[in-house]
N, C-alpha and C. Protein backbone atom coordinates (compact mmCIF):
# COMPACT_ATOMS: atom_id res chain seq x y z
N UNK A 1 92.31 84.54 60.21
CA UNK A 1 93.11 85.17 61.24
C UNK A 1 94.56 84.69 61.16
N UNK A 2 95.49 85.62 61.12
CA UNK A 2 96.89 85.25 61.01
C UNK A 2 97.39 84.65 62.32
N UNK A 3 98.22 83.62 62.22
CA UNK A 3 98.81 83.00 63.40
C UNK A 3 100.30 83.30 63.43
N UNK A 4 100.84 83.42 64.65
CA UNK A 4 102.27 83.67 64.79
C UNK A 4 102.78 82.94 66.03
N UNK A 5 104.06 82.62 66.00
CA UNK A 5 104.70 81.95 67.13
C UNK A 5 105.47 83.00 67.93
N UNK A 6 105.16 83.09 69.24
CA UNK A 6 105.80 84.10 70.08
C UNK A 6 106.76 83.44 71.06
N UNK A 7 107.92 84.05 71.23
CA UNK A 7 108.90 83.56 72.20
C UNK A 7 108.55 84.10 73.59
N UNK A 8 108.55 83.22 74.58
CA UNK A 8 108.22 83.66 75.94
C UNK A 8 109.44 84.26 76.62
N UNK A 9 109.25 85.42 77.25
CA UNK A 9 110.32 86.11 77.97
C UNK A 9 109.83 86.42 79.38
N UNK A 10 110.48 85.85 80.38
CA UNK A 10 110.12 86.11 81.78
C UNK A 10 111.06 87.17 82.35
N UNK A 11 110.50 88.30 82.75
CA UNK A 11 111.30 89.39 83.28
C UNK A 11 111.67 89.11 84.74
N UNK A 12 112.88 89.50 85.11
CA UNK A 12 113.34 89.32 86.49
C UNK A 12 112.68 90.33 87.42
N UNK A 13 112.64 89.97 88.71
CA UNK A 13 112.18 90.89 89.73
C UNK A 13 110.67 91.03 89.77
N UNK A 14 110.22 91.93 90.66
CA UNK A 14 108.81 92.21 90.81
C UNK A 14 108.53 93.68 90.54
N UNK A 15 107.39 93.95 89.98
CA UNK A 15 106.92 95.31 89.79
C UNK A 15 105.68 95.51 90.66
N UNK A 16 105.26 96.75 90.84
CA UNK A 16 104.06 96.98 91.64
C UNK A 16 103.28 98.18 91.16
N UNK A 17 101.99 98.13 91.42
CA UNK A 17 101.11 99.27 91.19
C UNK A 17 100.26 99.46 92.44
N UNK A 18 100.04 100.70 92.84
CA UNK A 18 99.19 101.03 93.97
C UNK A 18 97.93 101.66 93.40
N UNK A 19 96.80 100.97 93.53
CA UNK A 19 95.61 101.36 92.78
C UNK A 19 95.07 102.73 93.18
N UNK A 20 94.81 102.95 94.47
CA UNK A 20 94.31 104.24 94.94
C UNK A 20 93.16 104.71 94.05
N UNK A 21 93.23 105.95 93.55
CA UNK A 21 92.14 106.50 92.74
C UNK A 21 92.47 106.54 91.25
N UNK A 22 93.54 105.84 90.85
CA UNK A 22 93.95 105.91 89.45
C UNK A 22 93.70 104.58 88.75
N UNK A 23 93.75 104.61 87.42
CA UNK A 23 93.68 103.39 86.62
C UNK A 23 94.89 103.24 85.72
N UNK A 24 95.76 104.27 85.63
CA UNK A 24 96.96 104.22 84.78
C UNK A 24 98.21 104.31 85.64
N UNK A 25 99.20 103.44 85.33
CA UNK A 25 100.38 103.33 86.19
C UNK A 25 101.63 103.16 85.35
N UNK A 26 102.70 103.84 85.75
CA UNK A 26 104.00 103.67 85.09
C UNK A 26 104.53 102.28 85.42
N UNK A 27 104.95 101.55 84.39
CA UNK A 27 105.44 100.18 84.59
C UNK A 27 106.50 99.88 83.54
N UNK A 28 107.71 99.61 83.99
CA UNK A 28 108.83 99.39 83.09
C UNK A 28 108.92 97.92 82.68
N UNK A 29 108.92 97.67 81.39
CA UNK A 29 109.10 96.31 80.87
C UNK A 29 110.45 96.17 80.16
N UNK A 30 111.40 96.97 80.56
CA UNK A 30 112.76 96.85 80.03
C UNK A 30 112.81 97.08 78.53
N UNK A 31 113.45 96.17 77.83
CA UNK A 31 113.63 96.30 76.38
C UNK A 31 112.32 96.26 75.62
N UNK A 32 111.23 95.87 76.28
CA UNK A 32 109.95 95.70 75.58
C UNK A 32 108.97 96.84 75.89
N UNK A 33 109.43 97.85 76.62
CA UNK A 33 108.56 98.95 77.01
C UNK A 33 107.99 99.69 75.80
N UNK A 34 108.81 99.87 74.76
CA UNK A 34 108.37 100.64 73.58
C UNK A 34 107.97 99.77 72.41
N UNK A 35 107.86 98.47 72.63
CA UNK A 35 107.49 97.57 71.54
C UNK A 35 106.01 97.75 71.18
N UNK A 36 105.64 97.23 70.02
CA UNK A 36 104.24 97.29 69.59
C UNK A 36 103.43 96.25 70.35
N UNK A 37 102.43 96.70 71.09
CA UNK A 37 101.66 95.81 71.96
C UNK A 37 100.48 95.23 71.19
N UNK A 38 100.31 93.90 71.30
CA UNK A 38 99.21 93.22 70.64
C UNK A 38 98.10 92.81 71.61
N UNK A 39 98.46 92.44 72.83
CA UNK A 39 97.45 92.08 73.83
C UNK A 39 98.06 92.14 75.22
N UNK A 40 97.19 92.37 76.24
CA UNK A 40 97.65 92.50 77.62
C UNK A 40 96.61 91.87 78.55
N UNK A 41 97.09 91.09 79.52
CA UNK A 41 96.22 90.63 80.61
C UNK A 41 96.98 90.78 81.92
N UNK A 42 96.24 91.11 82.97
CA UNK A 42 96.78 91.16 84.32
C UNK A 42 95.86 90.33 85.20
N UNK A 43 96.42 89.27 85.77
CA UNK A 43 95.59 88.37 86.57
C UNK A 43 94.47 87.75 85.77
N UNK A 44 94.69 87.57 84.47
CA UNK A 44 93.67 86.97 83.60
C UNK A 44 92.64 87.95 83.08
N UNK A 45 92.72 89.21 83.51
CA UNK A 45 91.77 90.23 83.06
C UNK A 45 92.43 91.14 82.02
N UNK A 46 91.65 91.56 81.04
CA UNK A 46 92.18 92.42 79.99
C UNK A 46 92.66 93.75 80.55
N UNK A 47 93.76 94.24 79.99
CA UNK A 47 94.31 95.55 80.35
C UNK A 47 94.93 96.13 79.10
N UNK A 48 95.51 97.34 79.21
CA UNK A 48 96.22 97.93 78.08
C UNK A 48 97.59 98.40 78.54
N UNK A 49 98.53 98.45 77.58
CA UNK A 49 99.89 98.91 77.88
C UNK A 49 100.40 99.69 76.69
N UNK A 50 100.90 100.91 76.97
CA UNK A 50 101.41 101.75 75.90
C UNK A 50 102.42 102.74 76.47
N UNK A 51 103.59 102.79 75.84
CA UNK A 51 104.63 103.77 76.21
C UNK A 51 104.94 103.76 77.70
N UNK A 52 105.07 102.56 78.25
CA UNK A 52 105.46 102.44 79.65
C UNK A 52 104.33 102.65 80.65
N UNK A 53 103.09 102.72 80.18
CA UNK A 53 101.95 102.93 81.07
C UNK A 53 100.98 101.75 80.98
N UNK A 54 100.68 101.17 82.15
CA UNK A 54 99.70 100.10 82.24
C UNK A 54 98.37 100.69 82.69
N UNK A 55 97.30 100.35 81.99
CA UNK A 55 95.97 100.80 82.36
C UNK A 55 95.09 99.60 82.66
N UNK A 56 94.48 99.62 83.84
CA UNK A 56 93.57 98.54 84.24
C UNK A 56 92.14 99.05 84.20
N UNK A 57 91.20 98.12 84.19
CA UNK A 57 89.79 98.50 84.12
C UNK A 57 89.24 98.81 85.52
N UNK A 58 88.15 99.53 85.55
CA UNK A 58 87.47 99.79 86.82
C UNK A 58 87.00 98.47 87.45
N UNK A 59 86.63 97.51 86.61
CA UNK A 59 86.19 96.21 87.12
C UNK A 59 87.32 95.49 87.84
N UNK A 60 88.55 95.59 87.30
CA UNK A 60 89.69 94.97 87.96
C UNK A 60 89.96 95.65 89.30
N UNK A 61 89.89 96.97 89.34
CA UNK A 61 90.11 97.68 90.59
C UNK A 61 89.09 97.26 91.64
N UNK A 62 87.85 97.07 91.22
CA UNK A 62 86.78 96.74 92.16
C UNK A 62 86.84 95.29 92.64
N UNK A 63 87.48 94.41 91.86
CA UNK A 63 87.55 92.99 92.21
C UNK A 63 88.75 92.77 93.13
N UNK A 64 88.60 93.10 94.42
CA UNK A 64 89.73 93.09 95.34
C UNK A 64 90.29 91.68 95.58
N UNK A 65 89.53 90.64 95.25
CA UNK A 65 90.06 89.29 95.36
C UNK A 65 91.27 89.08 94.44
N UNK A 66 91.34 89.86 93.38
CA UNK A 66 92.44 89.71 92.42
C UNK A 66 93.67 90.53 92.78
N UNK A 67 93.57 91.33 93.85
CA UNK A 67 94.72 92.15 94.24
C UNK A 67 95.73 91.31 95.00
N UNK A 68 96.97 91.78 95.03
CA UNK A 68 98.08 90.98 95.54
C UNK A 68 99.01 90.65 94.40
N UNK A 69 99.82 89.61 94.54
CA UNK A 69 100.76 89.26 93.48
C UNK A 69 100.02 88.64 92.30
N UNK A 70 100.19 89.23 91.12
CA UNK A 70 99.54 88.76 89.91
C UNK A 70 100.54 88.66 88.77
N UNK A 71 100.12 87.96 87.72
CA UNK A 71 100.97 87.79 86.53
C UNK A 71 100.49 88.71 85.42
N UNK A 72 101.41 89.53 84.92
CA UNK A 72 101.15 90.38 83.77
C UNK A 72 101.68 89.68 82.52
N UNK A 73 100.84 89.56 81.50
CA UNK A 73 101.24 88.94 80.23
C UNK A 73 101.01 89.95 79.11
N UNK A 74 102.09 90.32 78.44
CA UNK A 74 102.02 91.29 77.35
C UNK A 74 102.60 90.66 76.09
N UNK A 75 101.79 90.54 75.05
CA UNK A 75 102.27 90.04 73.77
C UNK A 75 102.65 91.24 72.90
N UNK A 76 103.91 91.23 72.43
CA UNK A 76 104.42 92.39 71.68
C UNK A 76 105.10 91.93 70.39
N UNK A 77 105.26 92.90 69.49
CA UNK A 77 106.06 92.70 68.29
C UNK A 77 107.24 93.66 68.36
N UNK A 78 108.44 93.12 68.17
CA UNK A 78 109.64 93.95 68.26
C UNK A 78 110.68 93.44 67.27
N UNK A 79 111.15 94.34 66.43
CA UNK A 79 112.19 94.01 65.43
C UNK A 79 111.79 92.81 64.59
N UNK A 80 110.51 92.76 64.20
CA UNK A 80 110.04 91.71 63.32
C UNK A 80 109.77 90.38 64.01
N UNK A 81 109.90 90.33 65.33
CA UNK A 81 109.64 89.10 66.07
C UNK A 81 108.53 89.33 67.10
N UNK A 82 107.94 88.22 67.56
CA UNK A 82 106.85 88.29 68.53
C UNK A 82 107.32 87.71 69.86
N UNK A 83 106.87 88.34 70.95
CA UNK A 83 107.27 87.91 72.29
C UNK A 83 106.07 87.93 73.24
N UNK A 84 106.01 86.92 74.10
CA UNK A 84 105.09 86.94 75.23
C UNK A 84 105.89 87.33 76.46
N UNK A 85 105.73 88.55 76.90
CA UNK A 85 106.50 89.07 78.02
C UNK A 85 105.71 88.83 79.31
N UNK A 86 106.36 88.14 80.27
CA UNK A 86 105.72 87.77 81.52
C UNK A 86 106.40 88.51 82.67
N UNK A 87 105.61 89.15 83.52
CA UNK A 87 106.16 89.87 84.66
C UNK A 87 105.28 89.68 85.88
N UNK A 88 105.90 89.59 87.06
CA UNK A 88 105.16 89.52 88.32
C UNK A 88 104.89 90.94 88.80
N UNK A 89 103.62 91.22 89.09
CA UNK A 89 103.21 92.57 89.51
C UNK A 89 102.43 92.48 90.82
N UNK A 90 102.91 93.21 91.82
CA UNK A 90 102.18 93.31 93.07
C UNK A 90 101.13 94.40 92.93
N UNK A 91 99.88 94.01 93.10
CA UNK A 91 98.76 94.94 93.01
C UNK A 91 98.34 95.32 94.43
N UNK A 92 98.63 96.56 94.83
CA UNK A 92 98.29 97.04 96.16
C UNK A 92 96.95 97.77 96.10
N UNK A 93 95.97 97.29 96.85
CA UNK A 93 94.66 97.92 96.84
C UNK A 93 94.74 99.34 97.37
N UNK A 94 95.46 99.52 98.49
CA UNK A 94 95.52 100.84 99.12
C UNK A 94 96.71 100.90 100.07
N UNK A 95 97.38 102.04 100.11
CA UNK A 95 98.37 102.31 101.13
C UNK A 95 97.69 103.09 102.27
N UNK A 96 97.86 102.60 103.49
CA UNK A 96 97.18 103.16 104.65
C UNK A 96 98.09 104.16 105.35
N UNK A 97 97.56 105.39 105.56
CA UNK A 97 98.38 106.43 106.17
C UNK A 97 97.70 107.14 107.34
N UNK A 98 96.47 106.70 107.71
CA UNK A 98 95.80 107.30 108.86
C UNK A 98 94.81 106.31 109.45
N UNK A 99 94.38 106.58 110.67
CA UNK A 99 93.51 105.66 111.41
C UNK A 99 92.17 105.46 110.72
N UNK A 100 91.59 106.52 110.19
CA UNK A 100 90.28 106.40 109.52
C UNK A 100 90.36 105.48 108.31
N UNK A 101 91.43 105.60 107.53
CA UNK A 101 91.60 104.72 106.37
C UNK A 101 91.81 103.29 106.81
N UNK A 102 92.53 103.10 107.93
CA UNK A 102 92.75 101.77 108.47
C UNK A 102 91.43 101.12 108.85
N UNK A 103 90.61 101.85 109.59
CA UNK A 103 89.32 101.31 110.02
C UNK A 103 88.44 100.96 108.84
N UNK A 104 88.40 101.86 107.84
CA UNK A 104 87.57 101.61 106.66
C UNK A 104 88.05 100.37 105.90
N UNK A 105 89.37 100.20 105.81
CA UNK A 105 89.92 99.07 105.06
C UNK A 105 89.62 97.74 105.73
N UNK A 106 89.58 97.70 107.06
CA UNK A 106 89.43 96.44 107.79
C UNK A 106 87.98 96.10 108.12
N UNK A 107 87.06 96.99 107.83
CA UNK A 107 85.65 96.78 108.16
C UNK A 107 84.86 96.35 106.93
N UNK A 108 84.12 95.24 107.00
CA UNK A 108 83.29 94.84 105.86
C UNK A 108 82.29 95.92 105.47
N UNK A 109 82.05 96.06 104.17
CA UNK A 109 81.05 97.01 103.71
C UNK A 109 79.66 96.53 104.13
N UNK A 110 78.73 97.46 104.13
CA UNK A 110 77.37 97.13 104.57
C UNK A 110 76.80 95.99 103.72
N UNK A 111 76.23 95.01 104.39
CA UNK A 111 75.67 93.86 103.70
C UNK A 111 76.67 92.74 103.46
N UNK A 112 77.92 92.95 103.87
CA UNK A 112 78.96 91.93 103.68
C UNK A 112 79.57 91.56 105.03
N UNK A 113 80.20 90.39 105.09
CA UNK A 113 80.86 89.95 106.32
C UNK A 113 82.30 89.53 106.06
N UNK A 114 82.85 90.01 104.94
CA UNK A 114 84.21 89.59 104.58
C UNK A 114 84.94 90.77 103.94
N UNK A 115 86.27 90.81 104.16
CA UNK A 115 87.11 91.85 103.56
C UNK A 115 88.25 91.18 102.80
N UNK A 116 88.41 91.55 101.52
CA UNK A 116 89.54 91.10 100.72
C UNK A 116 90.39 92.32 100.35
N UNK A 117 91.47 92.07 99.64
CA UNK A 117 92.33 93.15 99.18
C UNK A 117 93.75 93.03 99.72
N UNK A 118 94.64 93.88 99.20
CA UNK A 118 96.03 93.92 99.64
C UNK A 118 96.30 95.34 100.15
N UNK A 119 96.60 95.45 101.45
CA UNK A 119 96.77 96.75 102.08
C UNK A 119 98.18 96.85 102.66
N UNK A 120 98.76 98.06 102.59
CA UNK A 120 100.11 98.26 103.08
C UNK A 120 100.19 99.55 103.90
N UNK A 121 100.80 99.43 105.07
CA UNK A 121 100.95 100.59 105.94
C UNK A 121 102.11 101.43 105.44
N UNK A 122 101.90 102.76 105.34
CA UNK A 122 102.95 103.63 104.83
C UNK A 122 103.65 104.42 105.93
N UNK A 123 103.11 104.40 107.15
CA UNK A 123 103.71 105.15 108.26
C UNK A 123 103.22 104.57 109.58
N UNK A 124 103.93 104.89 110.66
CA UNK A 124 103.46 104.53 111.99
C UNK A 124 102.14 105.26 112.26
N UNK A 125 101.20 104.57 112.93
CA UNK A 125 99.93 105.19 113.26
C UNK A 125 99.71 105.15 114.76
N UNK A 126 99.06 106.19 115.27
CA UNK A 126 98.75 106.26 116.69
C UNK A 126 97.38 106.88 116.88
N UNK A 127 96.60 106.28 117.77
CA UNK A 127 95.27 106.80 118.07
C UNK A 127 95.19 107.13 119.55
N UNK A 128 94.63 108.29 119.88
CA UNK A 128 94.48 108.68 121.27
C UNK A 128 93.23 108.10 121.92
N UNK A 129 92.35 107.52 121.11
CA UNK A 129 91.12 106.94 121.63
C UNK A 129 91.14 105.43 121.55
N UNK A 130 89.98 104.84 121.83
CA UNK A 130 89.84 103.38 121.74
C UNK A 130 89.64 103.00 120.28
N UNK A 131 90.39 101.99 119.85
CA UNK A 131 90.27 101.51 118.47
C UNK A 131 89.49 100.20 118.46
N UNK A 132 88.56 100.10 117.52
CA UNK A 132 87.83 98.84 117.35
C UNK A 132 87.33 98.74 115.94
N UNK A 133 87.42 97.54 115.36
CA UNK A 133 86.81 97.33 114.06
C UNK A 133 85.29 97.23 114.19
N UNK A 134 84.80 97.13 115.42
CA UNK A 134 83.38 97.29 115.69
C UNK A 134 82.52 96.07 115.43
N UNK A 135 82.52 95.59 114.19
CA UNK A 135 81.61 94.53 113.82
C UNK A 135 81.85 93.24 114.61
N UNK A 136 83.12 92.93 114.90
CA UNK A 136 83.47 91.62 115.47
C UNK A 136 82.81 91.37 116.82
N UNK A 137 82.73 92.40 117.64
CA UNK A 137 82.16 92.24 118.98
C UNK A 137 80.68 91.85 118.92
N UNK A 138 80.02 92.17 117.81
CA UNK A 138 78.60 91.88 117.66
C UNK A 138 78.33 90.50 117.09
N UNK A 139 79.38 89.82 116.64
CA UNK A 139 79.18 88.54 115.98
C UNK A 139 78.93 87.42 116.98
N UNK A 140 78.15 86.44 116.54
CA UNK A 140 77.90 85.25 117.34
C UNK A 140 79.12 84.34 117.30
N UNK A 141 79.13 83.33 118.17
CA UNK A 141 80.24 82.36 118.18
C UNK A 141 80.33 81.64 116.84
N UNK A 142 79.19 81.36 116.22
CA UNK A 142 79.19 80.68 114.92
C UNK A 142 79.82 81.54 113.84
N UNK A 143 79.55 82.84 113.86
CA UNK A 143 80.15 83.74 112.90
C UNK A 143 81.65 83.87 113.11
N UNK A 144 82.06 83.98 114.35
CA UNK A 144 83.47 84.16 114.66
C UNK A 144 84.30 82.94 114.27
N UNK A 145 83.70 81.78 114.28
CA UNK A 145 84.44 80.55 113.96
C UNK A 145 84.28 80.14 112.50
N UNK A 146 83.59 80.95 111.70
CA UNK A 146 83.39 80.67 110.28
C UNK A 146 84.60 81.18 109.49
N UNK A 147 85.36 80.26 108.91
CA UNK A 147 86.61 80.63 108.22
C UNK A 147 86.37 81.43 106.95
N UNK A 148 85.13 81.49 106.48
CA UNK A 148 84.82 82.25 105.27
C UNK A 148 84.56 83.72 105.56
N UNK A 149 84.54 84.12 106.84
CA UNK A 149 84.18 85.48 107.20
C UNK A 149 85.38 86.24 107.78
N UNK A 150 85.20 87.53 107.98
CA UNK A 150 86.25 88.37 108.57
C UNK A 150 87.23 88.89 107.53
N UNK A 151 88.40 89.30 108.00
CA UNK A 151 89.44 89.80 107.10
C UNK A 151 90.12 88.62 106.41
N UNK A 152 90.09 88.59 105.07
CA UNK A 152 90.67 87.48 104.32
C UNK A 152 91.65 87.98 103.25
N UNK A 153 92.10 89.20 103.40
CA UNK A 153 93.07 89.74 102.45
C UNK A 153 94.48 89.65 102.98
N UNK A 154 95.32 90.55 102.51
CA UNK A 154 96.71 90.65 102.97
C UNK A 154 96.95 92.04 103.53
N UNK A 155 97.58 92.09 104.71
CA UNK A 155 97.95 93.38 105.30
C UNK A 155 99.45 93.35 105.57
N UNK A 156 100.17 94.22 104.89
CA UNK A 156 101.62 94.34 105.07
C UNK A 156 101.89 95.56 105.94
N UNK A 157 102.33 95.33 107.17
CA UNK A 157 102.64 96.42 108.08
C UNK A 157 103.86 97.21 107.68
N UNK A 158 104.66 96.64 106.75
CA UNK A 158 105.80 97.39 106.19
C UNK A 158 106.80 97.82 107.26
N UNK A 159 106.87 97.02 108.35
CA UNK A 159 107.81 97.33 109.43
C UNK A 159 107.35 98.46 110.34
N UNK A 160 106.09 98.87 110.22
CA UNK A 160 105.57 100.00 111.00
C UNK A 160 104.85 99.51 112.26
N UNK A 161 104.48 100.49 113.11
CA UNK A 161 103.80 100.21 114.38
C UNK A 161 102.47 100.93 114.44
N UNK A 162 101.44 100.25 114.95
CA UNK A 162 100.14 100.86 115.22
C UNK A 162 99.94 100.84 116.73
N UNK A 163 99.71 102.02 117.30
CA UNK A 163 99.58 102.16 118.76
C UNK A 163 98.19 102.71 119.10
N UNK A 164 97.53 102.07 120.09
CA UNK A 164 96.22 102.54 120.50
C UNK A 164 95.79 101.80 121.76
N UNK A 165 94.62 102.19 122.29
CA UNK A 165 93.90 101.36 123.26
C UNK A 165 92.92 100.52 122.46
N UNK A 166 93.00 99.21 122.64
CA UNK A 166 92.19 98.31 121.83
C UNK A 166 91.12 97.62 122.67
N UNK A 167 90.00 97.35 122.03
CA UNK A 167 89.02 96.45 122.61
C UNK A 167 89.53 95.02 122.44
N UNK A 168 88.78 94.06 122.97
CA UNK A 168 89.28 92.69 123.05
C UNK A 168 89.66 92.03 121.74
N UNK A 169 89.07 92.50 120.64
CA UNK A 169 89.36 91.87 119.36
C UNK A 169 90.61 92.42 118.69
N UNK A 170 91.34 93.27 119.40
CA UNK A 170 92.60 93.77 118.87
C UNK A 170 92.42 94.60 117.62
N UNK A 171 93.43 94.57 116.76
CA UNK A 171 93.42 95.41 115.57
C UNK A 171 92.51 94.85 114.48
N UNK A 172 92.57 93.55 114.23
CA UNK A 172 91.90 92.97 113.07
C UNK A 172 90.57 92.30 113.38
N UNK A 173 90.24 92.08 114.64
CA UNK A 173 89.00 91.40 114.93
C UNK A 173 89.06 89.94 114.51
N UNK A 174 88.15 89.51 113.67
CA UNK A 174 88.09 88.12 113.19
C UNK A 174 88.84 88.03 111.85
N UNK A 175 89.73 87.05 111.77
CA UNK A 175 90.55 86.87 110.56
C UNK A 175 90.26 85.51 109.96
N UNK A 176 89.88 85.48 108.69
CA UNK A 176 89.43 84.26 108.05
C UNK A 176 90.52 83.51 107.31
N UNK A 177 90.10 82.44 106.66
CA UNK A 177 91.00 81.56 105.93
C UNK A 177 91.68 82.29 104.76
N UNK A 178 92.98 82.08 104.62
CA UNK A 178 93.73 82.66 103.51
C UNK A 178 94.29 84.03 103.79
N UNK A 179 93.95 84.63 104.92
CA UNK A 179 94.46 85.96 105.25
C UNK A 179 95.95 85.90 105.56
N UNK A 180 96.65 86.99 105.25
CA UNK A 180 98.06 87.13 105.59
C UNK A 180 98.25 88.47 106.28
N UNK A 181 98.81 88.45 107.48
CA UNK A 181 99.17 89.67 108.21
C UNK A 181 100.66 89.60 108.48
N UNK A 182 101.43 90.59 108.06
CA UNK A 182 102.88 90.47 108.16
C UNK A 182 103.55 91.81 108.45
N UNK A 183 104.75 91.71 109.01
CA UNK A 183 105.65 92.86 109.20
C UNK A 183 105.02 94.00 109.98
N UNK A 184 104.37 93.66 111.09
CA UNK A 184 103.60 94.65 111.84
C UNK A 184 103.86 94.53 113.33
N UNK A 185 103.94 95.68 114.00
CA UNK A 185 103.99 95.73 115.46
C UNK A 185 102.75 96.47 115.97
N UNK A 186 102.11 95.90 116.98
CA UNK A 186 100.95 96.52 117.62
C UNK A 186 101.33 96.81 119.07
N UNK A 187 101.11 98.05 119.51
CA UNK A 187 101.42 98.40 120.89
C UNK A 187 100.26 99.19 121.49
N UNK A 188 100.23 99.25 122.82
CA UNK A 188 99.15 99.95 123.52
C UNK A 188 98.65 99.11 124.67
N UNK A 189 97.35 99.10 124.89
CA UNK A 189 96.79 98.33 125.98
C UNK A 189 95.39 97.84 125.65
N UNK A 190 95.01 96.72 126.28
CA UNK A 190 93.69 96.12 126.11
C UNK A 190 93.14 95.79 127.48
N UNK A 191 91.94 96.25 127.76
CA UNK A 191 91.23 95.87 128.98
C UNK A 191 89.85 95.37 128.57
N UNK A 192 89.52 94.12 128.93
CA UNK A 192 88.27 93.53 128.48
C UNK A 192 87.87 92.37 129.39
N UNK A 193 86.59 92.02 129.36
CA UNK A 193 86.13 90.83 130.06
C UNK A 193 85.93 89.66 129.11
N UNK A 194 86.41 89.82 127.87
CA UNK A 194 86.33 88.72 126.90
C UNK A 194 87.32 87.63 127.27
N UNK A 195 87.05 86.40 126.80
CA UNK A 195 87.92 85.27 127.13
C UNK A 195 89.09 85.14 126.18
N UNK A 196 88.87 85.41 124.89
CA UNK A 196 89.92 85.24 123.90
C UNK A 196 90.30 86.62 123.37
N UNK A 197 91.54 87.01 123.63
CA UNK A 197 91.96 88.39 123.40
C UNK A 197 93.32 88.40 122.71
N UNK A 198 93.52 89.35 121.80
CA UNK A 198 94.83 89.50 121.17
C UNK A 198 95.08 90.93 120.76
N UNK A 199 96.34 91.31 120.68
CA UNK A 199 96.68 92.65 120.23
C UNK A 199 96.56 92.79 118.72
N UNK A 200 97.06 91.80 117.98
CA UNK A 200 96.98 91.85 116.52
C UNK A 200 95.58 91.47 116.05
N UNK A 201 95.03 90.40 116.62
CA UNK A 201 93.70 89.94 116.23
C UNK A 201 93.03 89.25 117.40
N UNK A 202 91.70 89.13 117.30
CA UNK A 202 90.96 88.48 118.37
C UNK A 202 90.68 87.02 118.11
N UNK A 203 90.50 86.67 116.81
CA UNK A 203 90.14 85.29 116.48
C UNK A 203 90.65 84.98 115.08
N UNK A 204 91.36 83.86 114.94
CA UNK A 204 91.91 83.47 113.64
C UNK A 204 91.36 82.13 113.21
N UNK A 205 90.97 82.05 111.93
CA UNK A 205 90.47 80.81 111.35
C UNK A 205 91.31 80.38 110.16
N UNK A 206 92.61 80.29 110.35
CA UNK A 206 93.48 79.81 109.29
C UNK A 206 94.34 80.87 108.64
N UNK A 207 94.57 81.98 109.33
CA UNK A 207 95.41 83.04 108.77
C UNK A 207 96.89 82.75 108.96
N UNK A 208 97.71 83.35 108.12
CA UNK A 208 99.16 83.34 108.30
C UNK A 208 99.58 84.67 108.90
N UNK A 209 100.15 84.63 110.09
CA UNK A 209 100.65 85.82 110.76
C UNK A 209 102.17 85.72 110.78
N UNK A 210 102.83 86.63 110.06
CA UNK A 210 104.26 86.51 109.78
C UNK A 210 104.99 87.76 110.26
N UNK A 211 106.04 87.56 111.06
CA UNK A 211 106.89 88.67 111.50
C UNK A 211 106.07 89.79 112.14
N UNK A 212 105.14 89.41 113.02
CA UNK A 212 104.32 90.39 113.73
C UNK A 212 104.63 90.33 115.23
N UNK A 213 104.55 91.46 115.87
CA UNK A 213 104.83 91.56 117.31
C UNK A 213 103.68 92.31 117.98
N UNK A 214 103.17 91.74 119.08
CA UNK A 214 102.19 92.43 119.90
C UNK A 214 102.87 92.87 121.20
N UNK A 215 102.95 94.19 121.38
CA UNK A 215 103.53 94.74 122.60
C UNK A 215 102.44 95.36 123.48
N UNK A 216 101.19 94.97 123.24
CA UNK A 216 100.06 95.53 123.98
C UNK A 216 99.99 94.91 125.37
N UNK A 217 99.75 95.75 126.37
CA UNK A 217 99.48 95.26 127.73
C UNK A 217 98.03 94.80 127.78
N UNK A 218 97.81 93.54 128.19
CA UNK A 218 96.47 92.95 128.14
C UNK A 218 95.99 92.60 129.54
N UNK A 219 94.79 93.07 129.87
CA UNK A 219 94.12 92.73 131.12
C UNK A 219 92.78 92.11 130.76
N UNK A 220 92.68 90.77 130.94
CA UNK A 220 91.45 90.08 130.53
C UNK A 220 91.17 88.93 131.48
N UNK A 221 90.03 88.24 131.26
CA UNK A 221 89.62 87.16 132.13
C UNK A 221 89.92 85.78 131.57
N UNK A 222 90.50 85.71 130.36
CA UNK A 222 90.71 84.41 129.72
C UNK A 222 92.06 84.28 129.09
N UNK A 223 92.05 83.89 127.78
CA UNK A 223 93.28 83.64 127.04
C UNK A 223 93.67 84.89 126.27
N UNK A 224 94.97 85.20 126.26
CA UNK A 224 95.43 86.39 125.57
C UNK A 224 96.74 86.12 124.85
N UNK A 225 97.08 87.05 123.92
CA UNK A 225 98.34 86.89 123.21
C UNK A 225 98.62 88.05 122.28
């Protein structure tokens, strides 16, 4: 097997792909976009790159733990030299544009008690009915306090607002360790006999909540926020 020495090139800025229902995405690598590609990995998983298009595997799309900011490594040959091109790529699991998609994204699949992935709101959302992630109200105290359960992904509100009537667990219900909720405003009202109540979330076990505002009117018997 022939060996070669490759010069490492770190590209400036961040790139992004929104997975949705596709596996191929336009991605500019600057001067190296049209170079001869020898190998590609994204987040440590094999991928392909050709003529400005990045293709990921179905397995990578399904492994939502790997979504979010990842490192793309592309080894290329250009003008008789070899380069390891490194780029930061934000992998967005899904852009949320309606209430049904929001509920589906925040609710664990059947047989699971945890949600991963990187989700981004693309518009303001409003619901005329009561909004609830549903599962959280049924959980025991032990489940609610388990940092390994609940929403453990990243949700970027993108500066948008979600308005509704909420049950006591707010928008996200139970939020587990490592979760990030950012750039979001929640408005509406909450009426409940629960003790621990929030507009953004009902219970947090180590999440980072960044640049979020709750403008919900809360009527409860205990602690609220």
